[in-house]
PDB file of N, CA and C in Angstrom:
ATOM      1  N   ILE A   1       4.814   9.897  -6.151  1.00  0.00           N
ATOM      2  CA  ILE A   1       3.749  10.158  -7.379  1.00  0.00           C
ATOM      3  C   ILE A   1       3.378  11.721  -7.440  1.00  0.00           C
ATOM      4  N   GLY A   2       2.471  12.160  -6.231  1.00  0.00           N
ATOM      5  CA  GLY A   2       2.572  14.090  -6.475  1.00  0.00           C
ATOM      6  C   GLY A   2       1.930  13.943  -5.480  1.00  0.00           C
ATOM      7  N   PRO A   3       1.454  14.997  -4.981  1.00  0.00           N
ATOM      8  CA  PRO A   3       0.117  15.239  -3.869  1.00  0.00           C
ATOM      9  C   PRO A   3      -1.347  15.027  -5.148  1.00  0.00           C
ATOM     10  N   TYR A   4      -1.678  14.383  -4.068  1.00  0.00           N
ATOM     11  CA  TYR A   4      -3.156  14.158  -3.757  1.00  0.00           C
ATOM     12  C   TYR A   4      -4.663  15.389  -3.969  1.00  0.00           C
ATOM     13  N   GLU A   5      -5.583  15.987  -5.324  1.00  0.00           N
ATOM     14  CA  GLU A   5      -5.487  17.435  -5.764  1.00  0.00           C
ATOM     15  C   GLU A   5      -7.302  16.681  -5.041  1.00  0.00           C
ATOM     16  N   GLY A   6      -7.421  15.721  -5.169  1.00  0.00           N
ATOM     17  CA  GLY A   6      -8.900  15.198  -5.610  1.00  0.00           C
ATOM     18  C   GLY A   6      -9.820  15.534  -4.084  1.00  0.00           C
ATOM     19  N   GLY A   7      -9.927  16.229  -3.458  1.00  0.00           N
ATOM     20  CA  GLY A   7     -10.167  15.963  -2.138  1.00  0.00           C
ATOM     21  C   GLY A   7      -9.937  15.075  -0.629  1.00  0.00           C
ATOM     22  N   LYS A   8      -9.871  15.761   0.675  1.00  0.00           N
ATOM     23  CA  LYS A   8      -9.523  14.527   0.809  1.00  0.00           C
ATOM     24  C   LYS A   8      -9.190  13.007   1.292  1.00  0.00           C
ATOM     25  N   ALA A   9      -7.983  12.519   1.395  1.00  0.00           N
ATOM     26  CA  ALA A   9      -7.689  10.857   1.181  1.00  0.00           C
ATOM     27  C   ALA A   9      -8.711  10.361   2.231  1.00  0.00           C
ATOM     28  N   ASP A  10      -8.911   9.373   1.751  1.00  0.00           N
ATOM     29  CA  ASP A  10      -9.529   8.558   3.157  1.00  0.00           C
ATOM     30  C   ASP A  10      -8.278   7.499   4.105  1.00  0.00           C
ATOM     31  N   ALA A  11      -7.793   7.281   3.071  1.00  0.00           N
ATOM     32  CA  ALA A  11      -6.004   6.313   3.629  1.00  0.00           C
ATOM     33  C   ALA A  11      -5.122   6.733   3.105  1.00  0.00           C
ATOM     34  N   THR A  12      -4.097   6.817   3.493  1.00  0.00           N
ATOM     35  CA  THR A  12      -2.609   6.987   2.777  1.00  0.00           C
ATOM     36  C   THR A  12      -1.544   6.011   3.047  1.00  0.00           C
ATOM     37  N   PHE A  13      -0.846   6.097   2.402  1.00  0.00           N
ATOM     38  CA  PHE A  13       0.173   5.045   2.410  1.00  0.00           C
ATOM     39  C   PHE A  13       1.477   5.507   2.834  1.00  0.00           C
ATOM     40  N   SER A  14       2.477   4.924   3.562  1.00  0.00           N
ATOM     41  CA  SER A  14       3.794   5.438   3.353  1.00  0.00           C
ATOM     42  C   SER A  14       4.802   4.232   3.696  1.00  0.00           C
ATOM     43  N   PHE A  15       5.808   4.001   2.463  1.00  0.00           N
ATOM     44  CA  PHE A  15       6.993   3.227   2.366  1.00  0.00           C
ATOM     45  C   PHE A  15       8.763   4.207   2.085  1.00  0.00           C
ATOM     46  N   LYS A  16       8.986   3.209   2.658  1.00  0.00           N
ATOM     47  CA  LYS A  16      10.613   2.891   2.031  1.00  0.00           C
ATOM     48  C   LYS A  16      10.815   2.773   0.535  1.00  0.00           C
ATOM     49  N   ASP A  17      11.624   3.086  -0.002  1.00  0.00           N
ATOM     50  CA  ASP A  17      11.459   2.599  -1.563  1.00  0.00           C
ATOM     51  C   ASP A  17      11.358   1.417  -1.795  1.00  0.00           C
ATOM     52  N   GLU A  18      13.277   0.694  -0.921  1.00  0.00           N
ATOM     53  CA  GLU A  18      12.971  -0.970  -1.137  1.00  0.00           C
ATOM     54  C   GLU A  18      11.312  -1.555  -1.016  1.00  0.00           C
ATOM     55  N   ASP A  19      10.032  -1.289   0.623  1.00  0.00           N
ATOM     56  CA  ASP A  19       9.742  -2.112   0.576  1.00  0.00           C
ATOM     57  C   ASP A  19       8.556  -1.748  -0.453  1.00  0.00           C
ATOM     58  N   PHE A  20       8.488  -0.378  -0.900  1.00  0.00           N
ATOM     59  CA  PHE A  20       7.580  -0.784  -1.401  1.00  0.00           C
ATOM     60  C   PHE A  20       7.165  -1.474  -2.902  1.00  0.00           C
ATOM     61  N   VAL A  21       8.705  -1.394  -3.690  1.00  0.00           N
ATOM     62  CA  VAL A  21       9.029  -2.449  -4.464  1.00  0.00           C
ATOM     63  C   VAL A  21       8.353  -3.621  -4.453  1.00  0.00           C
ATOM     64  N   LYS A  22       9.207  -4.073  -3.132  1.00  0.00           N
ATOM     65  CA  LYS A  22       8.566  -5.649  -2.920  1.00  0.00           C
ATOM     66  C   LYS A  22       7.691  -5.424  -2.693  1.00  0.00           C
ATOM     67  N   VAL A  23       6.084  -4.670  -2.433  1.00  0.00           N
ATOM     68  CA  VAL A  23       5.102  -5.099  -2.537  1.00  0.00           C
ATOM     69  C   VAL A  23       4.549  -4.925  -3.670  1.00  0.00           C
ATOM     70  N   ALA A  24       4.896  -3.834  -4.914  1.00  0.00           N
ATOM     71  CA  ALA A  24       4.733  -3.652  -5.927  1.00  0.00           C
ATOM     72  C   ALA A  24       4.790  -5.278  -6.916  1.00  0.00           C
ATOM     73  N   LEU A  25       5.646  -5.946  -6.739  1.00  0.00           N
ATOM     74  CA  LEU A  25       6.304  -7.061  -7.613  1.00  0.00           C
ATOM     75  C   LEU A  25       5.765  -8.325  -6.891  1.00  0.00           C
ATOM     76  N   GLY A  26       5.195  -7.994  -5.699  1.00  0.00           N
ATOM     77  CA  GLY A  26       4.478  -9.694  -5.032  1.00  0.00           C
ATOM     78  C   GLY A  26       5.867 -10.307  -4.173  1.00  0.00           C
ATOM     79  N   LYS A  27       6.560  -9.721  -3.763  1.00  0.00           N
ATOM     80  CA  LYS A  27       8.081  -9.891  -2.897  1.00  0.00           C
ATOM     81  C   LYS A  27       7.305  -9.847  -1.507  1.00  0.00           C
ATOM     82  N   MET A  28       6.461  -8.775  -1.188  1.00  0.00           N
ATOM     83  CA  MET A  28       6.005  -8.470   0.464  1.00  0.00           C
ATOM     84  C   MET A  28       5.018  -8.723   0.202  1.00  0.00           C
ATOM     85  N   ASN A  29       3.386  -9.440   0.439  1.00  0.00           N
ATOM     86  CA  ASN A  29       2.377  -8.946   1.242  1.00  0.00           C
ATOM     87  C   ASN A  29       1.810  -7.749   2.402  1.00  0.00           C
ATOM     88  N   PRO A  30       1.001  -6.696   1.384  1.00  0.00           N
ATOM     89  CA  PRO A  30       0.841  -5.564   2.402  1.00  0.00           C
ATOM     90  C   PRO A  30       0.782  -5.681   3.258  1.00  0.00           C
ATOM     91  N   GLN A  31       0.110  -6.663   3.638  1.00  0.00           N
ATOM     92  CA  GLN A  31      -0.193  -7.165   4.914  1.00  0.00           C
ATOM     93  C   GLN A  31       0.530  -7.569   6.187  1.00  0.00           C
ATOM     94  N   ILE A  32       1.576  -8.174   5.541  1.00  0.00           N
ATOM     95  CA  ILE A  32       2.479  -8.355   6.560  1.00  0.00           C
ATOM     96  C   ILE A  32       3.514  -6.937   7.026  1.00  0.00           C
ATOM     97  N   ALA A  33       3.510  -6.219   5.361  1.00  0.00           N
ATOM     98  CA  ALA A  33       4.636  -4.826   5.779  1.00  0.00           C
ATOM     99  C   ALA A  33       3.555  -4.353   6.668  1.00  0.00           C
ATOM    100  N   PHE A  34       2.837  -4.583   6.604  1.00  0.00           N
ATOM    101  CA  PHE A  34       1.897  -2.982   7.575  1.00  0.00           C
ATOM    102  C   PHE A  34       2.521  -4.436   8.963  1.00  0.00           C
ATOM    103  N   MET A  35       2.181  -5.089   8.949  1.00  0.00           N
ATOM    104  CA  MET A  35       2.796  -5.629  10.869  1.00  0.00           C
ATOM    105  C   MET A  35       3.687  -4.888  10.894  1.00  0.00           C
ATOM    106  N   ARG A  36       5.430  -5.265   9.874  1.00  0.00           N
ATOM    107  CA  ARG A  36       6.344  -5.091  10.714  1.00  0.00           C
ATOM    108  C   ARG A  36       6.858  -3.827  10.717  1.00  0.00           C
ATOM    109  N   GLY A  37       5.833  -2.857  10.331  1.00  0.00           N
ATOM    110  CA  GLY A  37       6.253  -1.680  10.221  1.00  0.00           C
ATOM    111  C   GLY A  37       7.182  -0.816   9.104  1.00  0.00           C
ATOM    112  N   ALA A  38       7.532  -2.099   8.240  1.00  0.00           N
ATOM    113  CA  ALA A  38       7.050  -1.620   6.464  1.00  0.00           C
ATOM    114  C   ALA A  38       6.949  -0.742   5.317  1.00  0.00           C
ATOM    115  N   MET A  39       5.148  -0.872   5.946  1.00  0.00           N
ATOM    116  CA  MET A  39       4.567  -0.167   5.212  1.00  0.00           C
ATOM    117  C   MET A  39       3.762   0.863   6.856  1.00  0.00           C
ATOM    118  N   LYS A  40       2.999   2.182   6.281  1.00  0.00           N
ATOM    119  CA  LYS A  40       2.613   3.229   7.472  1.00  0.00           C
ATOM    120  C   LYS A  40       1.389   3.181   6.821  1.00  0.00           C
ATOM    121  N   ILE A  41       0.090   3.261   7.473  1.00  0.00           N
ATOM    122  CA  ILE A  41      -1.159   3.814   7.247  1.00  0.00           C
ATOM    123  C   ILE A  41      -1.769   4.875   7.945  1.00  0.00           C
ATOM    124  N   LYS A  42      -2.257   5.794   7.138  1.00  0.00           N
ATOM    125  CA  LYS A  42      -3.026   7.369   7.666  1.00  0.00           C
ATOM    126  C   LYS A  42      -3.925   7.111   7.269  1.00  0.00           C
ATOM    127  N   GLY A  43      -4.350   7.605   8.188  1.00  0.00           N
ATOM    128  CA  GLY A  43      -6.034   7.604   7.846  1.00  0.00           C
ATOM    129  C   GLY A  43      -6.894   6.495   8.166  1.00  0.00           C
ATOM    130  N   SER A  44      -8.032   5.981   7.133  1.00  0.00           N
ATOM    131  CA  SER A  44      -8.825   4.631   8.207  1.00  0.00           C
ATOM    132  C   SER A  44      -8.292   3.756   7.459  1.00  0.00           C
ATOM    133  N   LEU A  45      -7.901   3.052   8.421  1.00  0.00           N
ATOM    134  CA  LEU A  45      -7.869   1.254   7.990  1.00  0.00           C
ATOM    135  C   LEU A  45      -8.445   0.656   7.675  1.00  0.00           C
ATOM    136  N   SER A  46      -9.646   0.787   7.866  1.00  0.00           N
ATOM    137  CA  SER A  46     -10.883   0.080   6.843  1.00  0.00           C
ATOM    138  C   SER A  46     -10.648   0.285   5.614  1.00  0.00           C
ATOM    139  N   ALA A  47     -10.603   1.613   5.312  1.00  0.00           N
ATOM    140  CA  ALA A  47     -10.710   2.020   4.141  1.00  0.00           C
ATOM    141  C   ALA A  47      -9.426   1.352   2.959  1.00  0.00           C
ATOM    142  N   ALA A  48      -7.704   1.570   3.891  1.00  0.00           N
ATOM    143  CA  ALA A  48      -6.892   1.334   3.683  1.00  0.00           C
ATOM    144  C   ALA A  48      -7.609  -0.419   3.036  1.00  0.00           C
ATOM    145  N   GLN A  49      -7.523  -1.115   3.836  1.00  0.00           N
ATOM    146  CA  GLN A  49      -7.303  -2.825   3.803  1.00  0.00           C
ATOM    147  C   GLN A  49      -8.580  -2.804   2.451  1.00  0.00           C
ATOM    148  N   LYS A  50      -9.767  -1.997   2.544  1.00  0.00           N
ATOM    149  CA  LYS A  50     -10.838  -2.410   1.648  1.00  0.00           C
ATOM    150  C   LYS A  50     -10.386  -2.142   0.593  1.00  0.00           C
ATOM    151  N   PHE A  51      -8.966  -0.730  -0.007  1.00  0.00           N
ATOM    152  CA  PHE A  51      -8.737  -0.847  -1.797  1.00  0.00           C
ATOM    153  C   PHE A  51      -6.868  -1.303  -2.232  1.00  0.00           C
ATOM    154  N   THR A  52      -6.341  -1.866  -0.663  1.00  0.00           N
ATOM    155  CA  THR A  52      -5.165  -2.750  -0.874  1.00  0.00           C
ATOM    156  C   THR A  52      -5.261  -3.773  -2.087  1.00  0.00           C
ATOM    157  N   PRO A  53      -6.458  -4.619  -2.428  1.00  0.00           N
ATOM    158  CA  PRO A  53      -5.643  -5.435  -3.294  1.00  0.00           C
ATOM    159  C   PRO A  53      -6.448  -4.264  -4.982  1.00  0.00           C
ATOM    160  N   ASP A  54      -6.862  -3.164  -4.551  1.00  0.00           N
ATOM    161  CA  ASP A  54      -6.810  -2.447  -5.915  1.00  0.00           C
ATOM    162  C   ASP A  54      -5.495  -2.094  -6.181  1.00  0.00           C
ATOM    163  N   ILE A  55      -4.841  -1.407  -4.969  1.00  0.00           N
ATOM    164  CA  ILE A  55      -3.551  -0.627  -5.064  1.00  0.00           C
ATOM    165  C   ILE A  55      -2.628  -1.705  -5.940  1.00  0.00           C
ATOM    166  N   PHE A  56      -2.642  -3.134  -5.137  1.00  0.00           N
ATOM    167  CA  PHE A  56      -1.271  -3.984  -4.854  1.00  0.00           C
ATOM    168  C   PHE A  56      -2.440  -5.566  -5.134  1.00  0.00           C
ATOM    169  N   PRO A  57      -2.216  -5.359  -6.879  1.00  0.00           N
ATOM    170  CA  PRO A  57      -2.850  -6.732  -7.479  1.00  0.00           C
ATOM    171  C   PRO A  57      -1.684  -7.700  -6.647  1.00  0.00           C
ATOM    172  N   LYS A  58      -2.079  -8.756  -6.893  1.00  0.00           N
ATOM    173  CA  LYS A  58      -1.192 -10.124  -7.189  1.00  0.00           C
ATOM    174  C   LYS A  58      -0.986  -9.883  -8.796  1.00  0.00           C
ATOM    175  N   PRO A  59       0.658 -10.256  -8.926  1.00  0.00           N
ATOM    176  CA  PRO A  59       1.264 -10.400 -10.149  1.00  0.00           C
ATOM    177  C   PRO A  59       1.008 -11.468 -10.651  1.00  0.00           C
ATOM    178  N   SER A  60       0.865 -11.184 -12.340  1.00  0.00           N
ATOM    179  CA  SER A  60       0.758 -12.545 -13.258  1.00  0.00           C
ATOM    180  C   SER A  60       1.542 -13.142 -12.948  1.00  0.00           C
ATOM    181  N   LYS A  61       1.496 -14.594 -13.137  1.00  0.00           N
ATOM    182  CA  LYS A  61       2.515 -15.088 -13.890  1.00  0.00           C
ATOM    183  C   LYS A  61       2.855 -15.682 -14.737  1.00  0.00           C
ATOM    184  N   MET A  62       3.897 -15.248 -15.607  1.00  0.00           N
ATOM    185  CA  MET A  62       3.570 -15.945 -17.005  1.00  0.00           C
ATOM    186  C   MET A  62       4.831 -17.217 -17.347  1.00  0.00           C
TER     187      MET A  62
END
């Protein structure tokens, strides 16, 4: 994506590309990804948990 220029971020997420795709497609739960070490969170864990549903919404079923 790119550098954030809106001030200091409360939390940042780090993934390997393939793990990000799994989470984004709903094939891996973000909480499970974090517990397994596939997703790293830097900063406020509570802020990350608060915004995780907004960042990674459940995929719609068509």
